[in-house]
């Protein structure tokens, strides 16, 4: 496992400390989970962006269009 040093504003550190205390988790656990979620969200965003032209060509312009088609 690698170590990463990140500088964050004091107020963000205070919020992180409160969250960690409330959830009985280390700051490393919270930051790792947050980074995993961010990466997954970005991968999904990139996939949607890549597929958008194909979806639009088939008439799928909104999420609602997709939901209607699969429901």
PDB file of N, CA and C in Angstrom:
ATOM      1  N   UNK A   1       0.853  -1.173   0.000  1.00  0.00           N
ATOM      2  CA  UNK A   1       0.000   0.000   0.000  1.00  0.00           C
ATOM      3  C   UNK A   1       0.894   1.230   0.000  1.00  0.00           C
ATOM      4  N   UNK A   2       0.469   2.255  -0.717  1.00  0.00           N
ATOM      5  CA  UNK A   2       1.238   3.495  -0.808  1.00  0.00           C
ATOM      6  C   UNK A   2       0.663   4.568   0.105  1.00  0.00           C
ATOM      7  N   UNK A   3       1.494   5.526   0.451  1.00  0.00           N
ATOM      8  CA  UNK A   3       1.060   6.672   1.249  1.00  0.00           C
ATOM      9  C   UNK A   3       0.940   7.880   0.335  1.00  0.00           C
ATOM     10  N   UNK A   4       0.003   8.756   0.673  1.00  0.00           N
ATOM     11  CA  UNK A   4      -0.245   9.956  -0.099  1.00  0.00           C
ATOM     12  C   UNK A   4      -0.423  11.107   0.872  1.00  0.00           C
ATOM     13  N   UNK A   5       0.269  12.189   0.640  1.00  0.00           N
ATOM     14  CA  UNK A   5       0.123  13.372   1.472  1.00  0.00           C
ATOM     15  C   UNK A   5      -0.747  14.374   0.742  1.00  0.00           C
ATOM     16  N   UNK A   6      -1.790  14.835   1.431  1.00  0.00           N
ATOM     17  CA  UNK A   6      -2.722  15.788   0.838  1.00  0.00           C
ATOM     18  C   UNK A   6      -2.909  16.952   1.798  1.00  0.00           C
ATOM     19  N   UNK A   7      -2.855  18.151   1.268  1.00  0.00           N
ATOM     20  CA  UNK A   7      -3.112  19.330   2.089  1.00  0.00           C
ATOM     21  C   UNK A   7      -4.562  19.742   1.907  1.00  0.00           C
ATOM     22  N   UNK A   8      -5.254  19.933   3.031  1.00  0.00           N
ATOM     23  CA  UNK A   8      -6.652  20.349   2.974  1.00  0.00           C
ATOM     24  C   UNK A   8      -6.856  21.548   3.893  1.00  0.00           C
ATOM     25  N   UNK A   9      -7.857  22.362   3.595  1.00  0.00           N
ATOM     26  CA  UNK A   9      -8.135  23.515   4.450  1.00  0.00           C
ATOM     27  C   UNK A   9      -8.518  23.075   5.867  1.00  0.00           C
ATOM     28  N   UNK A  10      -8.268  23.929   6.814  1.00  0.00           N
ATOM     29  CA  UNK A  10      -8.535  23.628   8.223  1.00  0.00           C
ATOM     30  C   UNK A  10      -9.984  23.233   8.452  1.00  0.00           C
ATOM     31  N   UNK A  11     -10.913  23.958   7.850  1.00  0.00           N
ATOM     32  CA  UNK A  11     -12.336  23.662   8.063  1.00  0.00           C
ATOM     33  C   UNK A  11     -12.700  22.274   7.526  1.00  0.00           C
ATOM     34  N   UNK A  12     -12.126  21.897   6.397  1.00  0.00           N
ATOM     35  CA  UNK A  12     -12.380  20.564   5.852  1.00  0.00           C
ATOM     36  C   UNK A  12     -11.806  19.494   6.774  1.00  0.00           C
ATOM     37  N   UNK A  13     -10.659  19.752   7.351  1.00  0.00           N
ATOM     38  CA  UNK A  13     -10.054  18.813   8.308  1.00  0.00           C
ATOM     39  C   UNK A  13     -10.953  18.647   9.526  1.00  0.00           C
ATOM     40  N   UNK A  14     -11.524  19.743  10.001  1.00  0.00           N
ATOM     41  CA  UNK A  14     -12.426  19.668  11.159  1.00  0.00           C
ATOM     42  C   UNK A  14     -13.657  18.830  10.826  1.00  0.00           C
ATOM     43  N   UNK A  15     -14.206  19.029   9.630  1.00  0.00           N
ATOM     44  CA  UNK A  15     -15.370  18.247   9.214  1.00  0.00           C
ATOM     45  C   UNK A  15     -15.011  16.765   9.098  1.00  0.00           C
ATOM     46  N   UNK A  16     -13.850  16.486   8.540  1.00  0.00           N
ATOM     47  CA  UNK A  16     -13.389  15.098   8.422  1.00  0.00           C
ATOM     48  C   UNK A  16     -13.220  14.477   9.799  1.00  0.00           C
ATOM     49  N   UNK A  17     -12.626  15.209  10.717  1.00  0.00           N
ATOM     50  CA  UNK A  17     -12.432  14.704  12.081  1.00  0.00           C
ATOM     51  C   UNK A  17     -13.767  14.389  12.741  1.00  0.00           C
ATOM     52  N   UNK A  18     -14.759  15.277  12.586  1.00  0.00           N
ATOM     53  CA  UNK A  18     -16.083  15.038  13.169  1.00  0.00           C
ATOM     54  C   UNK A  18     -16.731  13.793  12.567  1.00  0.00           C
ATOM     55  N   UNK A  19     -16.625  13.660  11.245  1.00  0.00           N
ATOM     56  CA  UNK A  19     -17.193  12.496  10.565  1.00  0.00           C
ATOM     57  C   UNK A  19     -16.536  11.210  11.058  1.00  0.00           C
ATOM     58  N   UNK A  20     -15.232  11.209  11.134  1.00  0.00           N
ATOM     59  CA  UNK A  20     -14.496  10.015  11.574  1.00  0.00           C
ATOM     60  C   UNK A  20     -14.868   9.633  12.999  1.00  0.00           C
ATOM     61  N   UNK A  21     -15.001  10.619  13.842  1.00  0.00           N
ATOM     62  CA  UNK A  21     -15.368  10.355  15.237  1.00  0.00           C
ATOM     63  C   UNK A  21     -16.779   9.771  15.313  1.00  0.00           C
ATOM     64  N   UNK A  22     -17.694  10.372  14.558  1.00  0.00           N
ATOM     65  CA  UNK A  22     -19.089   9.932  14.561  1.00  0.00           C
ATOM     66  C   UNK A  22     -19.225   8.507  14.014  1.00  0.00           C
ATOM     67  N   UNK A  23     -18.449   8.174  12.994  1.00  0.00           N
ATOM     68  CA  UNK A  23     -18.556   6.856  12.347  1.00  0.00           C
ATOM     69  C   UNK A  23     -17.543   5.838  12.866  1.00  0.00           C
ATOM     70  N   UNK A  24     -16.712   6.265  13.803  1.00  0.00           N
ATOM     71  CA  UNK A  24     -15.686   5.387  14.380  1.00  0.00           C
ATOM     72  C   UNK A  24     -14.814   4.781  13.285  1.00  0.00           C
ATOM     73  N   UNK A  25     -14.363   5.646  12.391  1.00  0.00           N
ATOM     74  CA  UNK A  25     -13.511   5.225  11.273  1.00  0.00           C
ATOM     75  C   UNK A  25     -12.304   6.152  11.212  1.00  0.00           C
ATOM     76  N   UNK A  26     -11.228   5.657  10.649  1.00  0.00           N
ATOM     77  CA  UNK A  26     -10.036   6.486  10.502  1.00  0.00           C
ATOM     78  C   UNK A  26     -10.208   7.420   9.304  1.00  0.00           C
ATOM     79  N   UNK A  27      -9.450   8.491   9.312  1.00  0.00           N
ATOM     80  CA  UNK A  27      -9.503   9.417   8.184  1.00  0.00           C
ATOM     81  C   UNK A  27      -9.015   8.719   6.912  1.00  0.00           C
ATOM     82  N   UNK A  28      -8.069   7.811   7.041  1.00  0.00           N
ATOM     83  CA  UNK A  28      -7.594   7.070   5.874  1.00  0.00           C
ATOM     84  C   UNK A  28      -8.719   6.252   5.249  1.00  0.00           C
ATOM     85  N   UNK A  29      -9.535   5.608   6.091  1.00  0.00           N
ATOM     86  CA  UNK A  29     -10.662   4.826   5.565  1.00  0.00           C
ATOM     87  C   UNK A  29     -11.647   5.720   4.817  1.00  0.00           C
ATOM     88  N   UNK A  30     -11.977   6.848   5.403  1.00  0.00           N
ATOM     89  CA  UNK A  30     -12.950   7.762   4.803  1.00  0.00           C
ATOM     90  C   UNK A  30     -12.416   8.320   3.489  1.00  0.00           C
ATOM     91  N   UNK A  31     -11.155   8.704   3.474  1.00  0.00           N
ATOM     92  CA  UNK A  31     -10.570   9.279   2.261  1.00  0.00           C
ATOM     93  C   UNK A  31     -10.457   8.213   1.171  1.00  0.00           C
ATOM     94  N   UNK A  32     -10.067   6.989   1.524  1.00  0.00           N
ATOM     95  CA  UNK A  32      -9.999   5.908   0.525  1.00  0.00           C
ATOM     96  C   UNK A  32     -11.363   5.647  -0.087  1.00  0.00           C
ATOM     97  N   UNK A  33     -12.400   5.560   0.757  1.00  0.00           N
ATOM     98  CA  UNK A  33     -13.750   5.330   0.253  1.00  0.00           C
ATOM     99  C   UNK A  33     -14.204   6.497  -0.635  1.00  0.00           C
ATOM    100  N   UNK A  34     -13.908   7.699  -0.223  1.00  0.00           N
ATOM    101  CA  UNK A  34     -14.288   8.877  -1.016  1.00  0.00           C
ATOM    102  C   UNK A  34     -13.601   8.868  -2.368  1.00  0.00           C
ATOM    103  N   UNK A  35     -12.340   8.507  -2.389  1.00  0.00           N
ATOM    104  CA  UNK A  35     -11.598   8.459  -3.641  1.00  0.00           C
ATOM    105  C   UNK A  35     -12.126   7.349  -4.555  1.00  0.00           C
ATOM    106  N   UNK A  36     -12.444   6.193  -3.980  1.00  0.00           N
ATOM    107  CA  UNK A  36     -13.032   5.106  -4.779  1.00  0.00           C
ATOM    108  C   UNK A  36     -14.345   5.562  -5.423  1.00  0.00           C
ATOM    109  N   UNK A  37     -15.189   6.224  -4.633  1.00  0.00           N
ATOM    110  CA  UNK A  37     -16.475   6.701  -5.152  1.00  0.00           C
ATOM    111  C   UNK A  37     -16.279   7.743  -6.241  1.00  0.00           C
ATOM    112  N   UNK A  38     -15.340   8.648  -6.028  1.00  0.00           N
ATOM    113  CA  UNK A  38     -15.078   9.685  -7.019  1.00  0.00           C
ATOM    114  C   UNK A  38     -14.603   9.063  -8.333  1.00  0.00           C
ATOM    115  N   UNK A  39     -13.697   8.115  -8.242  1.00  0.00           N
ATOM    116  CA  UNK A  39     -13.174   7.453  -9.446  1.00  0.00           C
ATOM    117  C   UNK A  39     -14.297   6.707 -10.166  1.00  0.00           C
ATOM    118  N   UNK A  40     -15.134   5.988  -9.427  1.00  0.00           N
ATOM    119  CA  UNK A  40     -16.251   5.266 -10.042  1.00  0.00           C
ATOM    120  C   UNK A  40     -17.215   6.236 -10.719  1.00  0.00           C
ATOM    121  N   UNK A  41     -17.492   7.346 -10.070  1.00  0.00           N
ATOM    122  CA  UNK A  41     -18.388   8.352 -10.631  1.00  0.00           C
ATOM    123  C   UNK A  41     -17.801   8.944 -11.911  1.00  0.00           C
ATOM    124  N   UNK A  42     -16.520   9.216 -11.927  1.00  0.00           N
ATOM    125  CA  UNK A  42     -15.866   9.756 -13.117  1.00  0.00           C
ATOM    126  C   UNK A  42     -15.839   8.741 -14.255  1.00  0.00           C
ATOM    127  N   UNK A  43     -15.619   7.472 -13.922  1.00  0.00           N
ATOM    128  CA  UNK A  43     -15.635   6.433 -14.955  1.00  0.00           C
ATOM    129  C   UNK A  43     -17.016   6.333 -15.583  1.00  0.00           C
ATOM    130  N   UNK A  44     -18.048   6.414 -14.772  1.00  0.00           N
ATOM    131  CA  UNK A  44     -19.417   6.378 -15.285  1.00  0.00           C
ATOM    132  C   UNK A  44     -19.688   7.606 -16.157  1.00  0.00           C
ATOM    133  N   UNK A  45     -19.252   8.776 -15.709  1.00  0.00           N
ATOM    134  CA  UNK A  45     -19.444  10.006 -16.474  1.00  0.00           C
ATOM    135  C   UNK A  45     -18.760   9.904 -17.835  1.00  0.00           C
ATOM    136  N   UNK A  46     -17.550   9.378 -17.850  1.00  0.00           N
ATOM    137  CA  UNK A  46     -16.814   9.229 -19.104  1.00  0.00           C
ATOM    138  C   UNK A  46     -17.497   8.229 -20.032  1.00  0.00           C
ATOM    139  N   UNK A  47     -18.004   7.140 -19.475  1.00  0.00           N
ATOM    140  CA  UNK A  47     -18.706   6.139 -20.291  1.00  0.00           C
ATOM    141  C   UNK A  47     -19.972   6.746 -20.889  1.00  0.00           C
ATOM    142  N   UNK A  48     -20.704   7.490 -20.074  1.00  0.00           N
ATOM    143  CA  UNK A  48     -21.925   8.132 -20.577  1.00  0.00           C
ATOM    144  C   UNK A  48     -21.593   9.120 -21.688  1.00  0.00           C
ATOM    145  N   UNK A  49     -20.532   9.870 -21.499  1.00  0.00           N
ATOM    146  CA  UNK A  49     -20.129  10.856 -22.507  1.00  0.00           C
ATOM    147  C   UNK A  49     -19.754  10.155 -23.819  1.00  0.00           C
ATOM    148  N   UNK A  50     -19.070   9.046 -23.715  1.00  0.00           N
ATOM    149  CA  UNK A  50     -18.641   8.301 -24.893  1.00  0.00           C
ATOM    150  C   UNK A  50     -19.837   7.687 -25.631  1.00  0.00           C
ATOM    151  N   UNK A  51     -20.821   7.226 -24.869  1.00  0.00           N
ATOM    152  CA  UNK A  51     -21.971   6.548 -25.446  1.00  0.00           C
ATOM    153  C   UNK A  51     -23.110   7.494 -25.851  1.00  0.00           C
ATOM    154  N   UNK A  52     -23.053   8.733 -25.396  1.00  0.00           N
ATOM    155  CA  UNK A  52     -24.137   9.682 -25.649  1.00  0.00           C
ATOM    156  C   UNK A  52     -24.514   9.793 -27.124  1.00  0.00           C
ATOM    157  N   UNK A  53     -23.565   9.935 -28.054  1.00  0.00           N
ATOM    158  CA  UNK A  53     -23.962  10.070 -29.469  1.00  0.00           C
ATOM    159  C   UNK A  53     -24.754   8.855 -29.977  1.00  0.00           C
ATOM    160  N   UNK A  54     -24.387   7.669 -29.547  1.00  0.00           N
ATOM    161  CA  UNK A  54     -25.094   6.459 -29.966  1.00  0.00           C
ATOM    162  C   UNK A  54     -26.512   6.429 -29.385  1.00  0.00           C
ATOM    163  N   UNK A  55     -26.626   6.819 -28.119  1.00  0.00           N
ATOM    164  CA  UNK A  55     -27.935   6.840 -27.473  1.00  0.00           C
ATOM    165  C   UNK A  55     -28.844   7.878 -28.124  1.00  0.00           C
ATOM    166  N   UNK A  56     -28.297   9.060 -28.372  1.00  0.00           N
ATOM    167  CA  UNK A  56     -29.095  10.122 -28.989  1.00  0.00           C
ATOM    168  C   UNK A  56     -29.558   9.721 -30.385  1.00  0.00           C
ATOM    169  N   UNK A  57     -28.718   9.014 -31.117  1.00  0.00           N
ATOM    170  CA  UNK A  57     -29.092   8.547 -32.458  1.00  0.00           C
ATOM    171  C   UNK A  57     -30.264   7.569 -32.405  1.00  0.00           C
ATOM    172  N   UNK A  58     -30.423   6.882 -31.280  1.00  0.00           N
ATOM    173  CA  UNK A  58     -31.524   5.935 -31.109  1.00  0.00           C
ATOM    174  C   UNK A  58     -32.726   6.573 -30.402  1.00  0.00           C
ATOM    175  N   UNK A  59     -32.630   7.886 -30.131  1.00  0.00           N
ATOM    176  CA  UNK A  59     -33.757   8.584 -29.513  1.00  0.00           C
ATOM    177  C   UNK A  59     -33.728   8.651 -28.002  1.00  0.00           C
ATOM    178  N   UNK A  60     -32.650   8.239 -27.388  1.00  0.00           N
ATOM    179  CA  UNK A  60     -32.516   8.317 -25.934  1.00  0.00           C
ATOM    180  C   UNK A  60     -31.832   9.639 -25.583  1.00  0.00           C
ATOM    181  N   UNK A  61     -32.642  10.614 -25.164  1.00  0.00           N
ATOM    182  CA  UNK A  61     -32.096  11.939 -24.889  1.00  0.00           C
ATOM    183  C   UNK A  61     -31.964  12.222 -23.402  1.00  0.00           C
ATOM    184  N   UNK A  62     -32.750  11.529 -22.587  1.00  0.00           N
ATOM    185  CA  UNK A  62     -32.720  11.748 -21.143  1.00  0.00           C
ATOM    186  C   UNK A  62     -32.661  10.414 -20.413  1.00  0.00           C
ATOM    187  N   UNK A  63     -32.363  10.468 -19.130  1.00  0.00           N
ATOM    188  CA  UNK A  63     -32.407   9.253 -18.305  1.00  0.00           C
ATOM    189  C   UNK A  63     -33.817   8.675 -18.294  1.00  0.00           C
ATOM    190  N   UNK A  64     -34.821   9.554 -18.322  1.00  0.00           N
ATOM    191  CA  UNK A  64     -36.207   9.093 -18.335  1.00  0.00           C
ATOM    192  C   UNK A  64     -36.495   8.254 -19.577  1.00  0.00           C
ATOM    193  N   UNK A  65     -35.925   8.640 -20.713  1.00  0.00           N
ATOM    194  CA  UNK A  65     -36.089   7.843 -21.939  1.00  0.00           C
ATOM    195  C   UNK A  65     -35.560   6.429 -21.740  1.00  0.00           C
ATOM    196  N   UNK A  66     -34.436   6.319 -21.103  1.00  0.00           N
ATOM    197  CA  UNK A  66     -33.829   5.008 -20.845  1.00  0.00           C
ATOM    198  C   UNK A  66     -34.701   4.216 -19.892  1.00  0.00           C
ATOM    199  N   UNK A  67     -35.146   4.848 -18.809  1.00  0.00           N
ATOM    200  CA  UNK A  67     -35.975   4.149 -17.822  1.00  0.00           C
ATOM    201  C   UNK A  67     -37.265   3.637 -18.461  1.00  0.00           C
ATOM    202  N   UNK A  68     -37.865   4.442 -19.310  1.00  0.00           N
ATOM    203  CA  UNK A  68     -39.089   4.016 -19.995  1.00  0.00           C
ATOM    204  C   UNK A  68     -38.823   2.790 -20.881  1.00  0.00           C
ATOM    205  N   UNK A  69     -37.687   2.774 -21.546  1.00  0.00           N
ATOM    206  CA  UNK A  69     -37.360   1.675 -22.454  1.00  0.00           C
ATOM    207  C   UNK A  69     -37.093   0.365 -21.719  1.00  0.00           C
ATOM    208  N   UNK A  70     -36.552   0.434 -20.528  1.00  0.00           N
ATOM    209  CA  UNK A  70     -36.212  -0.792 -19.802  1.00  0.00           C
ATOM    210  C   UNK A  70     -37.278  -1.212 -18.810  1.00  0.00           C
ATOM    211  N   UNK A  71     -38.285  -0.388 -18.611  1.00  0.00           N
ATOM    212  CA  UNK A  71     -39.351  -0.720 -17.646  1.00  0.00           C
ATOM    213  C   UNK A  71     -40.407  -1.595 -18.264  1.00  0.00           C
TER     214      UNK A  71
END
